[in-house]
C-alpha atoms as a PDB file:
ATOM      1  CA  MET A   1      35.409 -14.052  62.151  1.00  0.00           C
ATOM      2  CA  ASN A   2      33.569 -11.565  59.176  1.00  0.00           C
ATOM      3  CA  GLY A   3      33.063  -8.806  62.320  1.00  0.00           C
ATOM      4  CA  LYS A   4      36.739  -9.386  63.411  1.00  0.00           C
ATOM      5  CA  LYS A   5      38.137  -8.908  59.924  1.00  0.00           C
ATOM      6  CA  ARG A   6      35.624  -5.816  59.545  1.00  0.00           C
ATOM      7  CA  SER A   7      36.798  -4.174  62.973  1.00  0.00           C
ATOM      8  CA  ASP A   8      40.533  -5.024  61.915  1.00  0.00           C
ATOM      9  CA  GLY A   9      39.975  -3.086  58.597  1.00  0.00           C
ATOM     10  CA  LEU A  10      38.056  -0.425  60.329  1.00  0.00           C
ATOM     11  CA  SER A  11      40.981   0.227  63.120  1.00  0.00           C
ATOM     12  CA  ALA A  12      43.932  -0.029  60.139  1.00  0.00           C
ATOM     13  CA  ILE A  13      41.993   2.825  58.670  1.00  0.00           C
ATOM     14  CA  ARG A  14      41.857   4.776  62.206  1.00  0.00           C
ATOM     15  CA  LYS A  15      45.505   3.936  62.399  1.00  0.00           C
ATOM     16  CA  TYR A  16      46.565   5.400  59.538  1.00  0.00           C
ATOM     17  CA  TYR A  17      43.934   7.653  58.320  1.00  0.00           C
ATOM     18  CA  GLN A  18      46.420  10.586  57.105  1.00  0.00           C
ATOM     19  CA  LEU A  19      47.742   8.050  54.282  1.00  0.00           C
ATOM     20  CA  TYR A  20      44.434   7.244  53.550  1.00  0.00           C
ATOM     21  CA  ILE A  21      43.542  11.454  53.037  1.00  0.00           C
ATOM     22  CA  LEU A  22      46.816  11.733  50.973  1.00  0.00           C
ATOM     23  CA  LEU A  23      45.308   9.107  48.778  1.00  0.00           C
ATOM     24  CA  LEU A  24      41.859  10.354  48.377  1.00  0.00           C
ATOM     25  CA  PRO A  25      43.164  13.131  45.648  1.00  0.00           C
ATOM     26  CA  SER A  26      44.333  10.213  43.313  1.00  0.00           C
ATOM     27  CA  ALA A  27      41.780   7.954  43.919  1.00  0.00           C
ATOM     28  CA  ILE A  28      39.170  10.330  43.086  1.00  0.00           C
ATOM     29  CA  LEU A  29      41.291  11.318  39.839  1.00  0.00           C
ATOM     30  CA  LEU A  30      41.543   7.545  38.982  1.00  0.00           C
ATOM     31  CA  PHE A  31      37.948   7.350  39.794  1.00  0.00           C
ATOM     32  CA  CYS A  32      36.646  10.144  37.033  1.00  0.00           C
ATOM     33  CA  PHE A  33      39.150   9.805  34.465  1.00  0.00           C
ATOM     34  CA  ALA A  34      39.746   5.467  34.139  1.00  0.00           C
ATOM     35  CA  TYR A  35      36.452   3.948  35.632  1.00  0.00           C
ATOM     36  CA  LEU A  36      33.707   6.634  34.859  1.00  0.00           C
ATOM     37  CA  PRO A  37      34.112   6.863  31.268  1.00  0.00           C
ATOM     38  CA  MET A  38      33.686   3.114  31.082  1.00  0.00           C
ATOM     39  CA  GLY A  39      30.014   4.052  30.900  1.00  0.00           C
ATOM     40  CA  GLY A  40      30.419   5.029  27.291  1.00  0.00           C
ATOM     41  CA  ILE A  41      31.023   1.381  26.494  1.00  0.00           C
ATOM     42  CA  VAL A  42      27.620   1.308  26.397  1.00  0.00           C
ATOM     43  CA  ILE A  43      27.868   3.451  22.890  1.00  0.00           C
ATOM     44  CA  ALA A  44      29.188   0.261  21.266  1.00  0.00           C
ATOM     45  CA  PHE A  45      25.879  -1.589  21.434  1.00  0.00           C
ATOM     46  CA  GLN A  46      24.056   1.060  20.357  1.00  0.00           C
ATOM     47  CA  ASN A  47      23.071   3.653  16.956  1.00  0.00           C
ATOM     48  CA  TYR A  48      24.256   6.342  19.045  1.00  0.00           C
ATOM     49  CA  SER A  49      22.784  10.059  17.956  1.00  0.00           C
ATOM     50  CA  PRO A  50      24.618  12.489  20.281  1.00  0.00           C
ATOM     51  CA  ALA A  51      21.115  14.698  19.958  1.00  0.00           C
ATOM     52  CA  LEU A  52      19.447  11.618  21.666  1.00  0.00           C
ATOM     53  CA  GLY A  53      22.368  10.951  23.872  1.00  0.00           C
ATOM     54  CA  ILE A  54      23.299   7.409  25.335  1.00  0.00           C
ATOM     55  CA  ILE A  55      20.055   7.171  27.058  1.00  0.00           C
ATOM     56  CA  LYS A  56      17.454   7.827  24.303  1.00  0.00           C
ATOM     57  CA  SER A  57      20.032   5.745  21.691  1.00  0.00           C
ATOM     58  CA  PRO A  58      18.354   2.685  20.480  1.00  0.00           C
ATOM     59  CA  PHE A  59      19.933  -0.454  20.861  1.00  0.00           C
ATOM     60  CA  VAL A  60      21.675  -2.376  18.370  1.00  0.00           C
ATOM     61  CA  GLY A  61      23.172  -5.659  20.418  1.00  0.00           C
ATOM     62  CA  MET A  62      26.174  -6.773  18.450  1.00  0.00           C
ATOM     63  CA  LYS A  63      25.410  -5.019  14.820  1.00  0.00           C
ATOM     64  CA  ASN A  64      28.296  -2.811  14.992  1.00  0.00           C
ATOM     65  CA  PHE A  65      30.673  -5.694  15.888  1.00  0.00           C
ATOM     66  CA  LEU A  66      29.581  -7.284  13.434  1.00  0.00           C
ATOM     67  CA  GLN A  67      29.776  -4.415  10.589  1.00  0.00           C
ATOM     68  CA  TYR A  68      33.623  -4.289  11.316  1.00  0.00           C
ATOM     69  CA  PHE A  69      34.220  -7.857  11.175  1.00  0.00           C
ATOM     70  CA  ARG A  70      32.380  -8.518   7.923  1.00  0.00           C
ATOM     71  CA  SER A  71      34.278  -5.141   6.438  1.00  0.00           C
ATOM     72  CA  TYR A  72      37.373  -5.205   3.948  1.00  0.00           C
ATOM     73  CA  GLN A  73      39.431  -2.809   7.333  1.00  0.00           C
ATOM     74  CA  PHE A  74      38.790  -6.022   9.322  1.00  0.00           C
ATOM     75  CA  GLY A  75      41.452  -8.073   8.186  1.00  0.00           C
ATOM     76  CA  VAL A  76      43.530  -5.016   6.971  1.00  0.00           C
ATOM     77  CA  THR A  77      43.901  -3.480   9.893  1.00  0.00           C
ATOM     78  CA  ILE A  78      44.451  -7.196  12.222  1.00  0.00           C
ATOM     79  CA  LYS A  79      47.244  -7.927   9.878  1.00  0.00           C
ATOM     80  CA  ASN A  80      48.992  -4.771  10.216  1.00  0.00           C
ATOM     81  CA  THR A  81      48.486  -3.956  13.938  1.00  0.00           C
ATOM     82  CA  LEU A  82      49.403  -7.096  14.550  1.00  0.00           C
ATOM     83  CA  GLY A  83      52.730  -6.973  12.235  1.00  0.00           C
ATOM     84  CA  LEU A  84      53.816  -3.810  13.667  1.00  0.00           C
ATOM     85  CA  SER A  85      53.411  -5.197  17.213  1.00  0.00           C
ATOM     86  CA  MET A  86      54.894  -8.217  16.547  1.00  0.00           C
ATOM     87  CA  TYR A  87      57.863  -6.739  14.728  1.00  0.00           C
ATOM     88  CA  SER A  88      58.094  -4.139  17.517  1.00  0.00           C
ATOM     89  CA  ILE A  89      58.218  -6.856  20.240  1.00  0.00           C
ATOM     90  CA  LEU A  90      60.940  -9.138  18.237  1.00  0.00           C
ATOM     91  CA  VAL A  91      63.431  -6.201  17.767  1.00  0.00           C
ATOM     92  CA  GLY A  92      62.479  -3.910  21.197  1.00  0.00           C
ATOM     93  CA  PHE A  93      62.432  -6.805  23.381  1.00  0.00           C
ATOM     94  CA  PRO A  94      66.291  -7.736  23.484  1.00  0.00           C
ATOM     95  CA  LEU A  95      67.873  -5.353  22.336  1.00  0.00           C
ATOM     96  CA  PRO A  96      67.249  -2.785  25.566  1.00  0.00           C
ATOM     97  CA  ILE A  97      68.808  -6.277  27.175  1.00  0.00           C
ATOM     98  CA  LEU A  98      71.874  -5.938  25.127  1.00  0.00           C
ATOM     99  CA  LEU A  99      72.198  -2.729  25.341  1.00  0.00           C
ATOM    100  CA  ALA A 100      72.061  -2.125  29.533  1.00  0.00           C
ATOM    101  CA  LEU A 101      74.509  -5.462  29.593  1.00  0.00           C
ATOM    102  CA  MET A 102      76.757  -3.766  27.558  1.00  0.00           C
ATOM    103  CA  CYS A 103      76.927  -0.670  29.559  1.00  0.00           C
ATOM    104  CA  ASN A 104      77.357  -2.927  32.424  1.00  0.00           C
ATOM    105  CA  GLN A 105      80.539  -4.015  31.331  1.00  0.00           C
ATOM    106  CA  MET A 106      81.852  -0.576  30.929  1.00  0.00           C
ATOM    107  CA  LYS A 107      84.870   0.016  32.958  1.00  0.00           C
ATOM    108  CA  THR A 108      85.426   3.881  32.459  1.00  0.00           C
ATOM    109  CA  ARG A 109      82.912   5.799  34.305  1.00  0.00           C
ATOM    110  CA  MET A 110      83.061   8.935  32.502  1.00  0.00           C
ATOM    111  CA  PHE A 111      82.795   7.138  29.208  1.00  0.00           C
ATOM    112  CA  LYS A 112      79.935   4.999  30.684  1.00  0.00           C
ATOM    113  CA  LYS A 113      77.980   8.439  31.634  1.00  0.00           C
ATOM    114  CA  VAL A 114      78.525   9.958  28.623  1.00  0.00           C
ATOM    115  CA  PHE A 115      77.048   6.900  26.691  1.00  0.00           C
ATOM    116  CA  GLN A 116      73.927   6.443  28.655  1.00  0.00           C
ATOM    117  CA  VAL A 117      72.999  10.366  28.434  1.00  0.00           C
ATOM    118  CA  ILE A 118      73.368  10.313  24.413  1.00  0.00           C
ATOM    119  CA  THR A 119      71.255   6.896  24.419  1.00  0.00           C
ATOM    120  CA  TYR A 120      68.493   8.121  26.210  1.00  0.00           C
ATOM    121  CA  LEU A 121      68.527  11.713  24.994  1.00  0.00           C
ATOM    122  CA  PRO A 122      66.171  10.804  21.830  1.00  0.00           C
ATOM    123  CA  HIS A 123      63.370   9.134  24.313  1.00  0.00           C
ATOM    124  CA  PHE A 124      62.346  13.176  25.068  1.00  0.00           C
ATOM    125  CA  ILE A 125      61.987  14.248  21.525  1.00  0.00           C
ATOM    126  CA  SER A 126      57.991  14.772  21.663  1.00  0.00           C
ATOM    127  CA  THR A 127      56.594  12.395  18.832  1.00  0.00           C
ATOM    128  CA  MET A 128      55.537  15.465  16.163  1.00  0.00           C
ATOM    129  CA  VAL A 129      59.126  16.709  15.869  1.00  0.00           C
ATOM    130  CA  MET A 130      60.333  12.616  15.775  1.00  0.00           C
ATOM    131  CA  CYS A 131      58.225  12.169  12.576  1.00  0.00           C
ATOM    132  CA  GLY A 132      59.148  15.441  10.889  1.00  0.00           C
ATOM    133  CA  LEU A 133      62.736  14.355  11.687  1.00  0.00           C
ATOM    134  CA  VAL A 134      62.371  11.126   9.623  1.00  0.00           C
ATOM    135  CA  LEU A 135      60.355  12.749   7.114  1.00  0.00           C
ATOM    136  CA  ILE A 136      63.265  15.139   6.426  1.00  0.00           C
ATOM    137  CA  PHE A 137      65.822  12.320   6.662  1.00  0.00           C
ATOM    138  CA  LEU A 138      64.454  10.370   4.639  1.00  0.00           C
ATOM    139  CA  SER A 139      63.256  12.997   1.839  1.00  0.00           C
ATOM    140  CA  PRO A 140      63.859  11.577  -1.607  1.00  0.00           C
ATOM    141  CA  SER A 141      64.560  15.093  -3.181  1.00  0.00           C
ATOM    142  CA  SER A 142      66.469  17.046  -0.304  1.00  0.00           C
ATOM    143  CA  GLY A 143      66.988  14.751   2.824  1.00  0.00           C
ATOM    144  CA  LEU A 144      70.387  13.917   4.781  1.00  0.00           C
ATOM    145  CA  PHE A 145      70.369  10.105   2.958  1.00  0.00           C
ATOM    146  CA  ALA A 146      69.388  11.661  -0.174  1.00  0.00           C
ATOM    147  CA  ASN A 147      72.436  13.697  -0.102  1.00  0.00           C
ATOM    148  CA  LEU A 148      75.030  11.356   0.691  1.00  0.00           C
ATOM    149  CA  PHE A 149      73.155   8.851  -2.303  1.00  0.00           C
ATOM    150  CA  ASN A 150      73.804  11.434  -4.467  1.00  0.00           C
ATOM    151  CA  LEU A 151      77.318  12.073  -3.116  1.00  0.00           C
ATOM    152  CA  LEU A 152      77.687   8.810  -4.660  1.00  0.00           C
ATOM    153  CA  GLY A 153      76.150   8.925  -7.919  1.00  0.00           C
ATOM    154  CA  ALA A 154      73.100   7.135  -6.611  1.00  0.00           C
ATOM    155  CA  GLN A 155      69.315   7.467  -6.480  1.00  0.00           C
ATOM    156  CA  PHE A 156      67.600   7.571  -3.000  1.00  0.00           C
ATOM    157  CA  PRO A 157      64.630   5.467  -2.793  1.00  0.00           C
ATOM    158  CA  ASN A 158      61.241   7.465  -1.986  1.00  0.00           C
ATOM    159  CA  LEU A 159      60.447   5.075   1.639  1.00  0.00           C
ATOM    160  CA  MET A 160      57.721   6.620   2.363  1.00  0.00           C
ATOM    161  CA  ALA A 161      55.768   5.911  -0.676  1.00  0.00           C
ATOM    162  CA  LYS A 162      56.884   2.324  -0.341  1.00  0.00           C
ATOM    163  CA  ALA A 163      53.823   0.276   1.299  1.00  0.00           C
ATOM    164  CA  THR A 164      56.370  -2.783   1.993  1.00  0.00           C
ATOM    165  CA  ALA A 165      59.230  -0.010   4.139  1.00  0.00           C
ATOM    166  CA  PHE A 166      56.614   1.721   6.717  1.00  0.00           C
ATOM    167  CA  LYS A 167      57.220  -1.095   8.740  1.00  0.00           C
ATOM    168  CA  HIS A 168      60.695  -0.822   9.047  1.00  0.00           C
ATOM    169  CA  VAL A 169      60.487   2.819   9.242  1.00  0.00           C
ATOM    170  CA  TYR A 170      58.424   2.684  11.748  1.00  0.00           C
ATOM    171  CA  VAL A 171      59.908   0.375  14.316  1.00  0.00           C
ATOM    172  CA  TRP A 172      63.735   1.079  13.669  1.00  0.00           C
ATOM    173  CA  SER A 173      63.165   4.808  14.499  1.00  0.00           C
ATOM    174  CA  ASP A 174      61.183   4.030  17.535  1.00  0.00           C
ATOM    175  CA  ILE A 175      64.211   1.758  18.566  1.00  0.00           C
ATOM    176  CA  TRP A 176      66.681   4.636  18.374  1.00  0.00           C
ATOM    177  CA  GLN A 177      63.954   6.776  20.215  1.00  0.00           C
ATOM    178  CA  HIS A 178      63.216   4.230  23.095  1.00  0.00           C
ATOM    179  CA  LEU A 179      66.514   1.682  23.057  1.00  0.00           C
ATOM    180  CA  GLY A 180      68.359   3.452  25.569  1.00  0.00           C
ATOM    181  CA  TRP A 181      65.210   4.684  27.992  1.00  0.00           C
ATOM    182  CA  ASP A 182      64.300   1.051  27.755  1.00  0.00           C
ATOM    183  CA  SER A 183      67.076  -0.357  29.068  1.00  0.00           C
ATOM    184  CA  ILE A 184      67.548   1.711  32.414  1.00  0.00           C
ATOM    185  CA  ILE A 185      65.629  -0.597  34.069  1.00  0.00           C
ATOM    186  CA  TYR A 186      67.791  -3.856  33.033  1.00  0.00           C
ATOM    187  CA  LEU A 187      70.525  -1.384  34.367  1.00  0.00           C
ATOM    188  CA  ALA A 188      68.770  -0.940  37.197  1.00  0.00           C
ATOM    189  CA  ALA A 189      68.474  -5.021  37.728  1.00  0.00           C
ATOM    190  CA  LEU A 190      72.198  -5.422  37.120  1.00  0.00           C
ATOM    191  CA  ALA A 191      73.067  -2.989  39.276  1.00  0.00           C
ATOM    192  CA  GLY A 192      71.260  -4.687  42.154  1.00  0.00           C
ATOM    193  CA  ILE A 193      73.103  -8.036  41.582  1.00  0.00           C
ATOM    194  CA  ASP A 194      75.204  -9.356  44.610  1.00  0.00           C
ATOM    195  CA  PRO A 195      78.937  -8.481  43.952  1.00  0.00           C
ATOM    196  CA  THR A 196      80.035 -11.895  45.756  1.00  0.00           C
ATOM    197  CA  PHE A 197      78.228 -13.725  42.362  1.00  0.00           C
ATOM    198  CA  TYR A 198      80.754 -12.247  40.178  1.00  0.00           C
ATOM    199  CA  GLU A 199      83.832 -12.827  42.378  1.00  0.00           C
ATOM    200  CA  ALA A 200      82.378 -16.688  42.785  1.00  0.00           C
ATOM    201  CA  ALA A 201      82.624 -16.622  38.926  1.00  0.00           C
ATOM    202  CA  THR A 202      86.075 -15.001  38.971  1.00  0.00           C
ATOM    203  CA  VAL A 203      87.586 -17.517  41.370  1.00  0.00           C
ATOM    204  CA  ASP A 204      85.659 -20.517  38.765  1.00  0.00           C
ATOM    205  CA  GLY A 205      87.958 -18.798  36.310  1.00  0.00           C
ATOM    206  CA  ALA A 206      84.887 -18.076  34.383  1.00  0.00           C
ATOM    207  CA  THR A 207      85.519 -14.951  31.216  1.00  0.00           C
ATOM    208  CA  THR A 208      83.408 -11.814  30.984  1.00  0.00           C
ATOM    209  CA  LEU A 209      80.740 -13.869  28.381  1.00  0.00           C
ATOM    210  CA  GLN A 210      80.296 -16.657  30.825  1.00  0.00           C
ATOM    211  CA  LYS A 211      79.544 -13.700  33.908  1.00  0.00           C
ATOM    212  CA  ILE A 212      76.906 -12.516  31.727  1.00  0.00           C
ATOM    213  CA  ARG A 213      75.307 -15.987  30.846  1.00  0.00           C
ATOM    214  CA  TYR A 214      75.812 -17.359  33.786  1.00  0.00           C
ATOM    215  CA  VAL A 215      75.429 -14.279  36.093  1.00  0.00           C
ATOM    216  CA  ASP A 216      73.772 -10.969  34.509  1.00  0.00           C
ATOM    217  CA  ILE A 217      71.087 -13.151  32.409  1.00  0.00           C
ATOM    218  CA  PRO A 218      69.014 -15.134  35.002  1.00  0.00           C
ATOM    219  CA  MET A 219      69.221 -12.648  37.566  1.00  0.00           C
ATOM    220  CA  ILE A 220      67.516  -9.834  35.282  1.00  0.00           C
ATOM    221  CA  MET A 221      65.391 -12.795  33.926  1.00  0.00           C
ATOM    222  CA  PRO A 222      62.351 -11.731  36.109  1.00  0.00           C
ATOM    223  CA  THR A 223      62.348  -8.455  35.173  1.00  0.00           C
ATOM    224  CA  ALA A 224      62.600  -9.510  31.720  1.00  0.00           C
ATOM    225  CA  MET A 225      59.778 -11.266  31.562  1.00  0.00           C
ATOM    226  CA  ILE A 226      57.559  -9.027  33.453  1.00  0.00           C
ATOM    227  CA  LEU A 227      58.550  -6.351  30.908  1.00  0.00           C
ATOM    228  CA  LEU A 228      57.735  -8.807  28.483  1.00  0.00           C
ATOM    229  CA  ILE A 229      53.989  -9.591  29.729  1.00  0.00           C
ATOM    230  CA  LEU A 230      53.402  -5.741  29.914  1.00  0.00           C
ATOM    231  CA  ARG A 231      54.491  -5.373  26.020  1.00  0.00           C
ATOM    232  CA  ALA A 232      52.193  -8.274  25.020  1.00  0.00           C
ATOM    233  CA  GLY A 233      49.343  -7.259  26.759  1.00  0.00           C
ATOM    234  CA  SER A 234      48.972  -4.406  24.486  1.00  0.00           C
ATOM    235  CA  ILE A 235      49.868  -6.366  20.770  1.00  0.00           C
ATOM    236  CA  LEU A 236      46.967  -4.319  19.387  1.00  0.00           C
ATOM    237  CA  GLY A 237      47.575  -0.805  21.314  1.00  0.00           C
ATOM    238  CA  ILE A 238      50.122   0.307  18.924  1.00  0.00           C
ATOM    239  CA  GLY A 239      50.235   3.929  19.482  1.00  0.00           C
ATOM    240  CA  PHE A 240      47.962   6.335  17.662  1.00  0.00           C
ATOM    241  CA  GLU A 241      50.126   9.246  17.170  1.00  0.00           C
ATOM    242  CA  LYS A 242      53.193   8.256  15.488  1.00  0.00           C
ATOM    243  CA  VAL A 243      51.518   5.923  13.103  1.00  0.00           C
ATOM    244  CA  PHE A 244      49.294   8.551  11.859  1.00  0.00           C
ATOM    245  CA  LEU A 245      52.188  11.319  10.912  1.00  0.00           C
ATOM    246  CA  LEU A 246      53.680   9.075   9.158  1.00  0.00           C
ATOM    247  CA  GLN A 247      50.903   7.718   7.117  1.00  0.00           C
ATOM    248  CA  ASN A 248      50.001   8.937   3.595  1.00  0.00           C
ATOM    249  CA  ILE A 249      47.840   7.824   0.881  1.00  0.00           C
ATOM    250  CA  GLN A 250      50.726   5.844  -0.580  1.00  0.00           C
ATOM    251  CA  ASN A 251      51.707   3.673   2.293  1.00  0.00           C
ATOM    252  CA  ILE A 252      48.428   3.356   3.425  1.00  0.00           C
ATOM    253  CA  MET A 253      47.767  -0.268   2.761  1.00  0.00           C
ATOM    254  CA  SER A 254      50.849  -0.800   5.370  1.00  0.00           C
ATOM    255  CA  SER A 255      49.880   1.896   8.155  1.00  0.00           C
ATOM    256  CA  GLU A 256      46.195   1.090   8.719  1.00  0.00           C
ATOM    257  CA  ILE A 257      45.518  -0.068  11.700  1.00  0.00           C
ATOM    258  CA  ILE A 258      42.778  -0.286  14.432  1.00  0.00           C
ATOM    259  CA  SER A 259      43.765   2.834  16.224  1.00  0.00           C
ATOM    260  CA  THR A 260      43.679   4.999  13.176  1.00  0.00           C
ATOM    261  CA  TYR A 261      40.882   3.716  11.944  1.00  0.00           C
ATOM    262  CA  VAL A 262      39.039   3.966  15.369  1.00  0.00           C
ATOM    263  CA  TYR A 263      39.901   7.720  15.097  1.00  0.00           C
ATOM    264  CA  LYS A 264      38.487   8.293  11.167  1.00  0.00           C
ATOM    265  CA  MET A 265      35.108   5.827  11.749  1.00  0.00           C
ATOM    266  CA  GLY A 266      34.656   7.976  15.176  1.00  0.00           C
ATOM    267  CA  MET A 267      36.345  11.495  14.383  1.00  0.00           C
ATOM    268  CA  GLN A 268      36.443  11.834  10.668  1.00  0.00           C
ATOM    269  CA  SER A 269      32.845   9.490   9.750  1.00  0.00           C
ATOM    270  CA  MET A 270      31.418  10.340  13.084  1.00  0.00           C
ATOM    271  CA  GLN A 271      30.269   6.711  13.354  1.00  0.00           C
ATOM    272  CA  TYR A 272      30.643   6.693  17.263  1.00  0.00           C
ATOM    273  CA  SER A 273      29.025   3.283  17.356  1.00  0.00           C
ATOM    274  CA  LEU A 274      31.337   1.908  15.246  1.00  0.00           C
ATOM    275  CA  SER A 275      34.555   3.191  16.596  1.00  0.00           C
ATOM    276  CA  THR A 276      33.450   2.313  20.403  1.00  0.00           C
ATOM    277  CA  ALA A 277      32.814  -1.139  19.043  1.00  0.00           C
ATOM    278  CA  ILE A 278      36.655  -1.761  17.518  1.00  0.00           C
ATOM    279  CA  GLY A 279      37.881   0.140  20.431  1.00  0.00           C
ATOM    280  CA  LEU A 280      36.229  -2.543  22.789  1.00  0.00           C
ATOM    281  CA  PHE A 281      37.206  -5.275  20.476  1.00  0.00           C
ATOM    282  CA  ASN A 282      40.766  -4.358  20.946  1.00  0.00           C
ATOM    283  CA  THR A 283      40.763  -3.961  24.620  1.00  0.00           C
ATOM    284  CA  VAL A 284      39.176  -6.864  25.165  1.00  0.00           C
ATOM    285  CA  VAL A 285      41.656  -9.327  22.635  1.00  0.00           C
ATOM    286  CA  ASN A 286      44.768  -7.414  24.682  1.00  0.00           C
ATOM    287  CA  LEU A 287      43.145  -8.527  27.789  1.00  0.00           C
ATOM    288  CA  ILE A 288      42.905 -12.255  26.679  1.00  0.00           C
ATOM    289  CA  VAL A 289      46.312 -11.925  25.320  1.00  0.00           C
ATOM    290  CA  LEU A 290      48.237 -10.399  28.876  1.00  0.00           C
ATOM    291  CA  LEU A 291      46.254 -13.007  30.797  1.00  0.00           C
ATOM    292  CA  PHE A 292      47.283 -15.903  28.742  1.00  0.00           C
ATOM    293  CA  VAL A 293      51.310 -14.829  28.404  1.00  0.00           C
ATOM    294  CA  ASN A 294      51.410 -14.347  32.349  1.00  0.00           C
ATOM    295  CA  TYR A 295      49.729 -17.527  32.467  1.00  0.00           C
ATOM    296  CA  MET A 296      52.253 -18.884  30.218  1.00  0.00           C
ATOM    297  CA  ALA A 297      55.048 -16.888  31.819  1.00  0.00           C
ATOM    298  CA  LYS A 298      54.290 -18.532  35.412  1.00  0.00           C
ATOM    299  CA  LYS A 299      53.649 -21.802  33.983  1.00  0.00           C
ATOM    300  CA  ILE A 300      57.523 -21.485  32.262  1.00  0.00           C
ATOM    301  CA  THR A 301      59.393 -19.480  33.973  1.00  0.00           C
ATOM    302  CA  ASP A 302      57.319 -19.171  37.202  1.00  0.00           C
ATOM    303  CA  ASN A 303      57.384 -15.082  37.026  1.00  0.00           C
ATOM    304  CA  SER A 304      54.591 -13.205  36.311  1.00  0.00           C
ATOM    305  CA  LEU A 305      52.283 -10.394  36.947  1.00  0.00           C
ATOM    306  CA  PHE A 306      49.921 -12.366  39.230  1.00  0.00           C
END
């Protein structure tokens, strides 16, 4: 039986060898840049020294992990990373759905296209430029909002100096930048709904809101669940660049997350083993959360990644 399966597999490769040849460069790149670097994970269990290399550096077991778990920064980075991630999911997950539902109800074709382009454009602004715009707009002396407040005879607060305001600045600027782009996949799902569902709803006397509730939302729910699972799988994977660029000494108690701490330990303090251990811990937690959310989604909604 195994011999028959093996021969069938070889015959399939011979039959479609052109496709496998086209796939080969991508497979080589994936192996070189995704799987081969995984060998560096061993640094997390070593007292790594660049002079000795991975092979000769002494093994210390779980020492680097315990050092992070016992440090003051462990609680701070976990709390800030989870806080930013959960805030981003709670706000950033439903809003693209609402925007897509709203766009789907627009009847004027030209207005719909213009609206979509306007909401998509901020996505193409680089992270560096976006952070520069945020800092300029929120400047307490010469920023846009400061000038508006001055016209009203009020004082605009220095939001970037307030630790409590950092998460709001980060999340809502991120929403503004990516809201339109994130709604594209929901618009595609709405475009794929059979028109007969709407015709049947119209015959039954359904209003626009009822069509959205009983037709649109149930039909895009599988897509929404898959995207929610993917977002939950990176719950500790808040992006490094934007947080680091908006971070300063005054808001660091709310802006120090796992990725920025890894950068500082690895690139600034040159504690390569500690930074690798923290990064590995981050990856393992993300994997566990992904598997758990995928299991719960399959159990509750019968929709999952695998």
